Amino acid sequence: PPRVALLPLTEEQKAAPHEFGVVDNMRTRVIPVLGTSPAIMGQAMAAHVICSVAGQTFLPEYVPPLSNKAAKKYAEALARREK
């Protein structure tokens, strides 16, 4: 069970909760965890700007997602390496 509860919504928040959420369909006062997505997006934008300034073509490539088997293999290898 949670140790603490969310604060109660104000009357204004109760009247229009969709106006106070950070992300659509996310409960008010709950902040979604985005992980590394903002950092990766920032790196992609920086690469685009640097290429533009240098007069080079920016050609991002699609990288297919890892299969579950490959992800598990890499995670196990990293865990062994940390021991």
PDB file of N, CA and C in Angstrom:
ATOM      1  N   PRO A   1       0.831  -1.196   0.000  1.00  0.00           N
ATOM      2  CA  PRO A   1       0.000   0.000   0.000  1.00  0.00           C
ATOM      3  C   PRO A   1       0.878   1.264   0.000  1.00  0.00           C
ATOM      4  N   PRO A   2       0.406   2.337  -0.619  1.00  0.00           N
ATOM      5  CA  PRO A   2       1.187   3.567  -0.646  1.00  0.00           C
ATOM      6  C   PRO A   2       1.346   4.164   0.748  1.00  0.00           C
ATOM      7  N   ARG A   3       2.498   4.768   0.979  1.00  0.00           N
ATOM      8  CA  ARG A   3       2.744   5.392   2.279  1.00  0.00           C
ATOM      9  C   ARG A   3       2.068   6.747   2.385  1.00  0.00           C
ATOM     10  N   VAL A   4       1.915   7.409   1.247  1.00  0.00           N
ATOM     11  CA  VAL A   4       1.262   8.709   1.233  1.00  0.00           C
ATOM     12  C   VAL A   4       0.228   8.733   0.116  1.00  0.00           C
ATOM     13  N   ALA A   5      -0.722   9.612   0.248  1.00  0.00           N
ATOM     14  CA  ALA A   5      -1.763   9.748  -0.771  1.00  0.00           C
ATOM     15  C   ALA A   5      -1.528  11.039  -1.555  1.00  0.00           C
ATOM     16  N   LEU A   6      -2.147  11.123  -2.731  1.00  0.00           N
ATOM     17  CA  LEU A   6      -2.097  12.362  -3.489  1.00  0.00           C
ATOM     18  C   LEU A   6      -2.899  13.425  -2.759  1.00  0.00           C
ATOM     19  N   LEU A   7      -2.487  14.678  -2.928  1.00  0.00           N
ATOM     20  CA  LEU A   7      -3.251  15.762  -2.330  1.00  0.00           C
ATOM     21  C   LEU A   7      -4.629  15.815  -2.979  1.00  0.00           C
ATOM     22  N   PRO A   8      -5.645  16.231  -2.236  1.00  0.00           N
ATOM     23  CA  PRO A   8      -6.980  16.339  -2.841  1.00  0.00           C
ATOM     24  C   PRO A   8      -6.996  17.451  -3.879  1.00  0.00           C
ATOM     25  N   LEU A   9      -7.852  17.297  -4.875  1.00  0.00           N
ATOM     26  CA  LEU A   9      -7.983  18.306  -5.912  1.00  0.00           C
ATOM     27  C   LEU A   9      -8.728  19.522  -5.380  1.00  0.00           C
ATOM     28  N   THR A  10      -8.351  20.695  -5.889  1.00  0.00           N
ATOM     29  CA  THR A  10      -9.080  21.914  -5.523  1.00  0.00           C
ATOM     30  C   THR A  10     -10.406  21.912  -6.276  1.00  0.00           C
ATOM     31  N   GLU A  11     -11.291  22.818  -5.920  1.00  0.00           N
ATOM     32  CA  GLU A  11     -12.588  22.903  -6.610  1.00  0.00           C
ATOM     33  C   GLU A  11     -12.386  23.223  -8.089  1.00  0.00           C
ATOM     34  N   GLU A  12     -11.424  24.088  -8.377  1.00  0.00           N
ATOM     35  CA  GLU A  12     -11.131  24.453  -9.762  1.00  0.00           C
ATOM     36  C   GLU A  12     -10.637  23.232 -10.551  1.00  0.00           C
ATOM     37  N   GLN A  13      -9.791  22.422  -9.931  1.00  0.00           N
ATOM     38  CA  GLN A  13      -9.278  21.221 -10.588  1.00  0.00           C
ATOM     39  C   GLN A  13     -10.375  20.183 -10.778  1.00  0.00           C
ATOM     40  N   LYS A  14     -11.273  20.080  -9.812  1.00  0.00           N
ATOM     41  CA  LYS A  14     -12.381  19.134  -9.938  1.00  0.00           C
ATOM     42  C   LYS A  14     -13.315  19.530 -11.083  1.00  0.00           C
ATOM     43  N   ALA A  15     -13.474  20.843 -11.305  1.00  0.00           N
ATOM     44  CA  ALA A  15     -14.371  21.321 -12.345  1.00  0.00           C
ATOM     45  C   ALA A  15     -13.829  21.024 -13.746  1.00  0.00           C
ATOM     46  N   ALA A  16     -12.505  21.106 -13.923  1.00  0.00           N
ATOM     47  CA  ALA A  16     -11.910  20.891 -15.254  1.00  0.00           C
ATOM     48  C   ALA A  16     -10.571  20.173 -15.108  1.00  0.00           C
ATOM     49  N   PRO A  17     -10.590  18.901 -14.726  1.00  0.00           N
ATOM     50  CA  PRO A  17      -9.327  18.197 -14.475  1.00  0.00           C
ATOM     51  C   PRO A  17      -8.429  18.070 -15.700  1.00  0.00           C
ATOM     52  N   HIS A  18      -9.032  18.023 -16.908  1.00  0.00           N
ATOM     53  CA  HIS A  18      -8.234  17.876 -18.127  1.00  0.00           C
ATOM     54  C   HIS A  18      -7.319  19.078 -18.367  1.00  0.00           C
ATOM     55  N   GLU A  19      -7.611  20.220 -17.776  1.00  0.00           N
ATOM     56  CA  GLU A  19      -6.795  21.416 -17.959  1.00  0.00           C
ATOM     57  C   GLU A  19      -5.558  21.423 -17.064  1.00  0.00           C
ATOM     58  N   PHE A  20      -5.479  20.518 -16.111  1.00  0.00           N
ATOM     59  CA  PHE A  20      -4.384  20.541 -15.154  1.00  0.00           C
ATOM     60  C   PHE A  20      -3.418  19.362 -15.280  1.00  0.00           C
ATOM     61  N   GLY A  21      -3.710  18.424 -16.140  1.00  0.00           N
ATOM     62  CA  GLY A  21      -2.830  17.276 -16.302  1.00  0.00           C
ATOM     63  C   GLY A  21      -1.606  17.623 -17.136  1.00  0.00           C
ATOM     64  N   VAL A  22      -0.505  16.941 -16.901  1.00  0.00           N
ATOM     65  CA  VAL A  22       0.719  17.161 -17.654  1.00  0.00           C
ATOM     66  C   VAL A  22       0.601  16.522 -19.037  1.00  0.00           C
ATOM     67  N   VAL A  23      -0.003  15.346 -19.094  1.00  0.00           N
ATOM     68  CA  VAL A  23      -0.155  14.592 -20.333  1.00  0.00           C
ATOM     69  C   VAL A  23      -1.622  14.171 -20.442  1.00  0.00           C
ATOM     70  N   ASP A  24      -2.160  14.133 -21.665  1.00  0.00           N
ATOM     71  CA  ASP A  24      -3.548  13.711 -21.843  1.00  0.00           C
ATOM     72  C   ASP A  24      -3.787  12.338 -21.209  1.00  0.00           C
ATOM     73  N   ASN A  25      -4.946  12.164 -20.630  1.00  0.00           N
ATOM     74  CA  ASN A  25      -5.375  10.913 -19.991  1.00  0.00           C
ATOM     75  C   ASN A  25      -4.490  10.507 -18.812  1.00  0.00           C
ATOM     76  N   MET A  26      -3.769  11.453 -18.244  1.00  0.00           N
ATOM     77  CA  MET A  26      -2.938  11.194 -17.074  1.00  0.00           C
ATOM     78  C   MET A  26      -3.583  11.927 -15.909  1.00  0.00           C
ATOM     79  N   ARG A  27      -3.614  11.323 -14.768  1.00  0.00           N
ATOM     80  CA  ARG A  27      -4.257  11.933 -13.616  1.00  0.00           C
ATOM     81  C   ARG A  27      -3.541  13.219 -13.194  1.00  0.00           C
ATOM     82  N   THR A  28      -4.325  14.210 -12.766  1.00  0.00           N
ATOM     83  CA  THR A  28      -3.747  15.456 -12.270  1.00  0.00           C
ATOM     84  C   THR A  28      -2.855  15.154 -11.075  1.00  0.00           C
ATOM     85  N   ARG A  29      -1.760  15.862 -10.990  1.00  0.00           N
ATOM     86  CA  ARG A  29      -0.750  15.733  -9.934  1.00  0.00           C
ATOM     87  C   ARG A  29       0.107  14.484 -10.062  1.00  0.00           C
ATOM     88  N   VAL A  30       0.029  13.804 -11.165  1.00  0.00           N
ATOM     89  CA  VAL A  30       0.913  12.669 -11.422  1.00  0.00           C
ATOM     90  C   VAL A  30       1.801  13.066 -12.589  1.00  0.00           C
ATOM     91  N   ILE A  31       3.101  13.039 -12.387  1.00  0.00           N
ATOM     92  CA  ILE A  31       4.028  13.425 -13.437  1.00  0.00           C
ATOM     93  C   ILE A  31       4.544  12.153 -14.105  1.00  0.00           C
ATOM     94  N   PRO A  32       4.369  12.043 -15.423  1.00  0.00           N
ATOM     95  CA  PRO A  32       4.855  10.847 -16.107  1.00  0.00           C
ATOM     96  C   PRO A  32       6.378  10.811 -16.135  1.00  0.00           C
ATOM     97  N   VAL A  33       6.922   9.636 -16.084  1.00  0.00           N
ATOM     98  CA  VAL A  33       8.370   9.470 -16.163  1.00  0.00           C
ATOM     99  C   VAL A  33       8.718   9.208 -17.615  1.00  0.00           C
ATOM    100  N   LEU A  34       9.499  10.087 -18.195  1.00  0.00           N
ATOM    101  CA  LEU A  34       9.832   9.980 -19.600  1.00  0.00           C
ATOM    102  C   LEU A  34      11.154   9.265 -19.847  1.00  0.00           C
ATOM    103  N   GLY A  35      11.908   9.014 -18.814  1.00  0.00           N
ATOM    104  CA  GLY A  35      13.175   8.301 -18.984  1.00  0.00           C
ATOM    105  C   GLY A  35      14.155   9.082 -19.834  1.00  0.00           C
ATOM    106  N   THR A  36      14.771   8.410 -20.778  1.00  0.00           N
ATOM    107  CA  THR A  36      15.820   9.035 -21.581  1.00  0.00           C
ATOM    108  C   THR A  36      15.303   9.687 -22.855  1.00  0.00           C
ATOM    109  N   SER A  37      14.006   9.658 -23.093  1.00  0.00           N
ATOM    110  CA  SER A  37      13.460  10.226 -24.329  1.00  0.00           C
ATOM    111  C   SER A  37      13.835  11.686 -24.553  1.00  0.00           C
ATOM    112  N   PRO A  38      13.736  12.576 -23.551  1.00  0.00           N
ATOM    113  CA  PRO A  38      14.125  13.966 -23.793  1.00  0.00           C
ATOM    114  C   PRO A  38      15.600  14.108 -24.174  1.00  0.00           C
ATOM    115  N   ALA A  39      16.470  13.333 -23.552  1.00  0.00           N
ATOM    116  CA  ALA A  39      17.902  13.416 -23.860  1.00  0.00           C
ATOM    117  C   ALA A  39      18.174  12.956 -25.287  1.00  0.00           C
ATOM    118  N   ILE A  40      17.534  11.886 -25.700  1.00  0.00           N
ATOM    119  CA  ILE A  40      17.729  11.376 -27.061  1.00  0.00           C
ATOM    120  C   ILE A  40      17.211  12.386 -28.074  1.00  0.00           C
ATOM    121  N   MET A  41      16.065  12.994 -27.799  1.00  0.00           N
ATOM    122  CA  MET A  41      15.513  14.001 -28.699  1.00  0.00           C
ATOM    123  C   MET A  41      16.452  15.198 -28.788  1.00  0.00           C
ATOM    124  N   GLY A  42      17.019  15.614 -27.663  1.00  0.00           N
ATOM    125  CA  GLY A  42      17.969  16.726 -27.645  1.00  0.00           C
ATOM    126  C   GLY A  42      19.209  16.422 -28.460  1.00  0.00           C
ATOM    127  N   GLN A  43      19.702  15.191 -28.361  1.00  0.00           N
ATOM    128  CA  GLN A  43      20.870  14.798 -29.154  1.00  0.00           C
ATOM    129  C   GLN A  43      20.554  14.818 -30.645  1.00  0.00           C
ATOM    130  N   ALA A  44      19.369  14.362 -31.014  1.00  0.00           N
ATOM    131  CA  ALA A  44      18.979  14.358 -32.421  1.00  0.00           C
ATOM    132  C   ALA A  44      18.858  15.788 -32.951  1.00  0.00           C
ATOM    133  N   MET A  45      18.277  16.681 -32.143  1.00  0.00           N
ATOM    134  CA  MET A  45      18.148  18.073 -32.578  1.00  0.00           C
ATOM    135  C   MET A  45      19.520  18.735 -32.693  1.00  0.00           C
ATOM    136  N   ALA A  46      20.417  18.451 -31.728  1.00  0.00           N
ATOM    137  CA  ALA A  46      21.759  19.018 -31.782  1.00  0.00           C
ATOM    138  C   ALA A  46      22.508  18.525 -33.019  1.00  0.00           C
ATOM    139  N   ALA A  47      22.377  17.246 -33.341  1.00  0.00           N
ATOM    140  CA  ALA A  47      23.034  16.700 -34.530  1.00  0.00           C
ATOM    141  C   ALA A  47      22.520  17.389 -35.790  1.00  0.00           C
ATOM    142  N   HIS A  48      21.214  17.628 -35.844  1.00  0.00           N
ATOM    143  CA  HIS A  48      20.626  18.304 -36.998  1.00  0.00           C
ATOM    144  C   HIS A  48      21.177  19.729 -37.138  1.00  0.00           C
ATOM    145  N   VAL A  49      21.251  20.456 -36.029  1.00  0.00           N
ATOM    146  CA  VAL A  49      21.753  21.830 -36.055  1.00  0.00           C
ATOM    147  C   VAL A  49      23.229  21.863 -36.450  1.00  0.00           C
ATOM    148  N   ILE A  50      24.030  20.984 -35.864  1.00  0.00           N
ATOM    149  CA  ILE A  50      25.457  20.952 -36.180  1.00  0.00           C
ATOM    150  C   ILE A  50      25.671  20.633 -37.657  1.00  0.00           C
ATOM    151  N   CYS A  51      24.919  19.673 -38.165  1.00  0.00           N
ATOM    152  CA  CYS A  51      25.040  19.344 -39.593  1.00  0.00           C
ATOM    153  C   CYS A  51      24.609  20.524 -40.465  1.00  0.00           C
ATOM    154  N   SER A  52      23.558  21.219 -40.076  1.00  0.00           N
ATOM    155  CA  SER A  52      23.099  22.382 -40.840  1.00  0.00           C
ATOM    156  C   SER A  52      24.157  23.481 -40.856  1.00  0.00           C
ATOM    157  N   VAL A  53      24.747  23.762 -39.712  1.00  0.00           N
ATOM    158  CA  VAL A  53      25.784  24.795 -39.615  1.00  0.00           C
ATOM    159  C   VAL A  53      27.003  24.408 -40.447  1.00  0.00           C
ATOM    160  N   ALA A  54      27.334  23.113 -40.462  1.00  0.00           N
ATOM    161  CA  ALA A  54      28.503  22.628 -41.206  1.00  0.00           C
ATOM    162  C   ALA A  54      28.212  22.437 -42.693  1.00  0.00           C
ATOM    163  N   GLY A  55      26.942  22.626 -43.090  1.00  0.00           N
ATOM    164  CA  GLY A  55      26.589  22.452 -44.487  1.00  0.00           C
ATOM    165  C   GLY A  55      26.528  20.999 -44.921  1.00  0.00           C
ATOM    166  N   GLN A  56      26.344  20.104 -43.984  1.00  0.00           N
ATOM    167  CA  GLN A  56      26.269  18.681 -44.277  1.00  0.00           C
ATOM    168  C   GLN A  56      24.816  18.214 -44.216  1.00  0.00           C
ATOM    169  N   THR A  57      24.526  17.152 -44.915  1.00  0.00           N
ATOM    170  CA  THR A  57      23.183  16.585 -44.900  1.00  0.00           C
ATOM    171  C   THR A  57      22.995  15.743 -43.649  1.00  0.00           C
ATOM    172  N   PHE A  58      21.880  15.929 -42.995  1.00  0.00           N
ATOM    173  CA  PHE A  58      21.552  15.138 -41.805  1.00  0.00           C
ATOM    174  C   PHE A  58      20.645  13.999 -42.240  1.00  0.00           C
ATOM    175  N   LEU A  59      21.122  12.790 -42.168  1.00  0.00           N
ATOM    176  CA  LEU A  59      20.356  11.618 -42.594  1.00  0.00           C
ATOM    177  C   LEU A  59      20.181  10.640 -41.430  1.00  0.00           C
ATOM    178  N   PRO A  60      19.154  10.843 -40.608  1.00  0.00           N
ATOM    179  CA  PRO A  60      18.929   9.896 -39.510  1.00  0.00           C
ATOM    180  C   PRO A  60      18.525   8.534 -40.065  1.00  0.00           C
ATOM    181  N   GLU A  61      18.919   7.498 -39.383  1.00  0.00           N
ATOM    182  CA  GLU A  61      18.593   6.144 -39.821  1.00  0.00           C
ATOM    183  C   GLU A  61      17.654   5.482 -38.821  1.00  0.00           C
ATOM    184  N   TYR A  62      16.745   4.678 -39.339  1.00  0.00           N
ATOM    185  CA  TYR A  62      15.841   3.909 -38.492  1.00  0.00           C
ATOM    186  C   TYR A  62      16.622   2.772 -37.835  1.00  0.00           C
ATOM    187  N   VAL A  63      16.462   2.621 -36.554  1.00  0.00           N
ATOM    188  CA  VAL A  63      17.083   1.518 -35.821  1.00  0.00           C
ATOM    189  C   VAL A  63      15.961   0.648 -35.286  1.00  0.00           C
ATOM    190  N   PRO A  64      15.845  -0.580 -35.766  1.00  0.00           N
ATOM    191  CA  PRO A  64      14.756  -1.434 -35.280  1.00  0.00           C
ATOM    192  C   PRO A  64      14.929  -1.753 -33.794  1.00  0.00           C
ATOM    193  N   PRO A  65      13.829  -1.886 -33.066  1.00  0.00           N
ATOM    194  CA  PRO A  65      13.919  -2.195 -31.641  1.00  0.00           C
ATOM    195  C   PRO A  65      14.508  -3.585 -31.408  1.00  0.00           C
ATOM    196  N   LEU A  66      15.130  -3.741 -30.242  1.00  0.00           N
ATOM    197  CA  LEU A  66      15.682  -5.045 -29.872  1.00  0.00           C
ATOM    198  C   LEU A  66      14.559  -6.037 -29.602  1.00  0.00           C
ATOM    199  N   SER A  67      14.806  -7.282 -29.942  1.00  0.00           N
ATOM    200  CA  SER A  67      13.848  -8.322 -29.575  1.00  0.00           C
ATOM    201  C   SER A  67      13.950  -8.552 -28.070  1.00  0.00           C
ATOM    202  N   ASN A  68      12.960  -9.176 -27.498  1.00  0.00           N
ATOM    203  CA  ASN A  68      12.994  -9.473 -26.062  1.00  0.00           C
ATOM    204  C   ASN A  68      14.193 -10.344 -25.712  1.00  0.00           C
ATOM    205  N   LYS A  69      14.498 -11.290 -26.601  1.00  0.00           N
ATOM    206  CA  LYS A  69      15.620 -12.192 -26.363  1.00  0.00           C
ATOM    207  C   LYS A  69      16.941 -11.407 -26.330  1.00  0.00           C
ATOM    208  N   ALA A  70      17.124 -10.491 -27.281  1.00  0.00           N
ATOM    209  CA  ALA A  70      18.356  -9.708 -27.334  1.00  0.00           C
ATOM    210  C   ALA A  70      18.450  -8.767 -26.131  1.00  0.00           C
ATOM    211  N   ALA A  71      17.343  -8.135 -25.771  1.00  0.00           N
ATOM    212  CA  ALA A  71      17.346  -7.223 -24.625  1.00  0.00           C
ATOM    213  C   ALA A  71      17.707  -7.975 -23.347  1.00  0.00           C
ATOM    214  N   LYS A  72      17.146  -9.157 -23.181  1.00  0.00           N
ATOM    215  CA  LYS A  72      17.458  -9.972 -21.991  1.00  0.00           C
ATOM    216  C   LYS A  72      18.928 -10.359 -21.986  1.00  0.00           C
ATOM    217  N   LYS A  73      19.446 -10.720 -23.150  1.00  0.00           N
ATOM    218  CA  LYS A  73      20.859 -11.114 -23.270  1.00  0.00           C
ATOM    219  C   LYS A  73      21.768  -9.951 -22.858  1.00  0.00           C
ATOM    220  N   TYR A  74      21.490  -8.744 -23.365  1.00  0.00           N
ATOM    221  CA  TYR A  74      22.297  -7.574 -23.019  1.00  0.00           C
ATOM    222  C   TYR A  74      22.176  -7.219 -21.549  1.00  0.00           C
ATOM    223  N   ALA A  75      20.984  -7.316 -21.002  1.00  0.00           N
ATOM    224  CA  ALA A  75      20.781  -7.004 -19.586  1.00  0.00           C
ATOM    225  C   ALA A  75      21.554  -7.975 -18.700  1.00  0.00           C
ATOM    226  N   GLU A  76      21.542  -9.261 -19.055  1.00  0.00           N
ATOM    227  CA  GLU A  76      22.294 -10.257 -18.287  1.00  0.00           C
ATOM    228  C   GLU A  76      23.790 -10.003 -18.391  1.00  0.00           C
ATOM    229  N   ALA A  77      24.263  -9.637 -19.581  1.00  0.00           N
ATOM    230  CA  ALA A  77      25.692  -9.352 -19.766  1.00  0.00           C
ATOM    231  C   ALA A  77      26.107  -8.146 -18.923  1.00  0.00           C
ATOM    232  N   LEU A  78      25.268  -7.118 -18.893  1.00  0.00           N
ATOM    233  CA  LEU A  78      25.582  -5.947 -18.078  1.00  0.00           C
ATOM    234  C   LEU A  78      25.577  -6.297 -16.595  1.00  0.00           C
ATOM    235  N   ALA A  79      24.628  -7.122 -16.173  1.00  0.00           N
ATOM    236  CA  ALA A  79      24.558  -7.516 -14.767  1.00  0.00           C
ATOM    237  C   ALA A  79      25.795  -8.301 -14.372  1.00  0.00           C
ATOM    238  N   ARG A  80      26.239  -9.197 -15.248  1.00  0.00           N
ATOM    239  CA  ARG A  80      27.482  -9.959 -14.973  1.00  0.00           C
ATOM    240  C   ARG A  80      28.681  -9.021 -14.893  1.00  0.00           C
ATOM    241  N   ARG A  81      28.714  -8.053 -15.753  1.00  0.00           N
ATOM    242  CA  ARG A  81      29.844  -7.109 -15.794  1.00  0.00           C
ATOM    243  C   ARG A  81      29.912  -6.261 -14.521  1.00  0.00           C
ATOM    244  N   GLU A  82      28.777  -5.979 -13.914  1.00  0.00           N
ATOM    245  CA  GLU A  82      28.748  -5.155 -12.715  1.00  0.00           C
ATOM    246  C   GLU A  82      29.188  -5.908 -11.467  1.00  0.00           C
ATOM    247  N   LYS A  83      29.202  -7.235 -11.521  1.00  0.00           N
ATOM    248  CA  LYS A  83      29.579  -8.015 -10.325  1.00  0.00           C
ATOM    249  C   LYS A  83      31.050  -7.900 -10.020  1.00  0.00           C
TER     250      LYS A  83
END
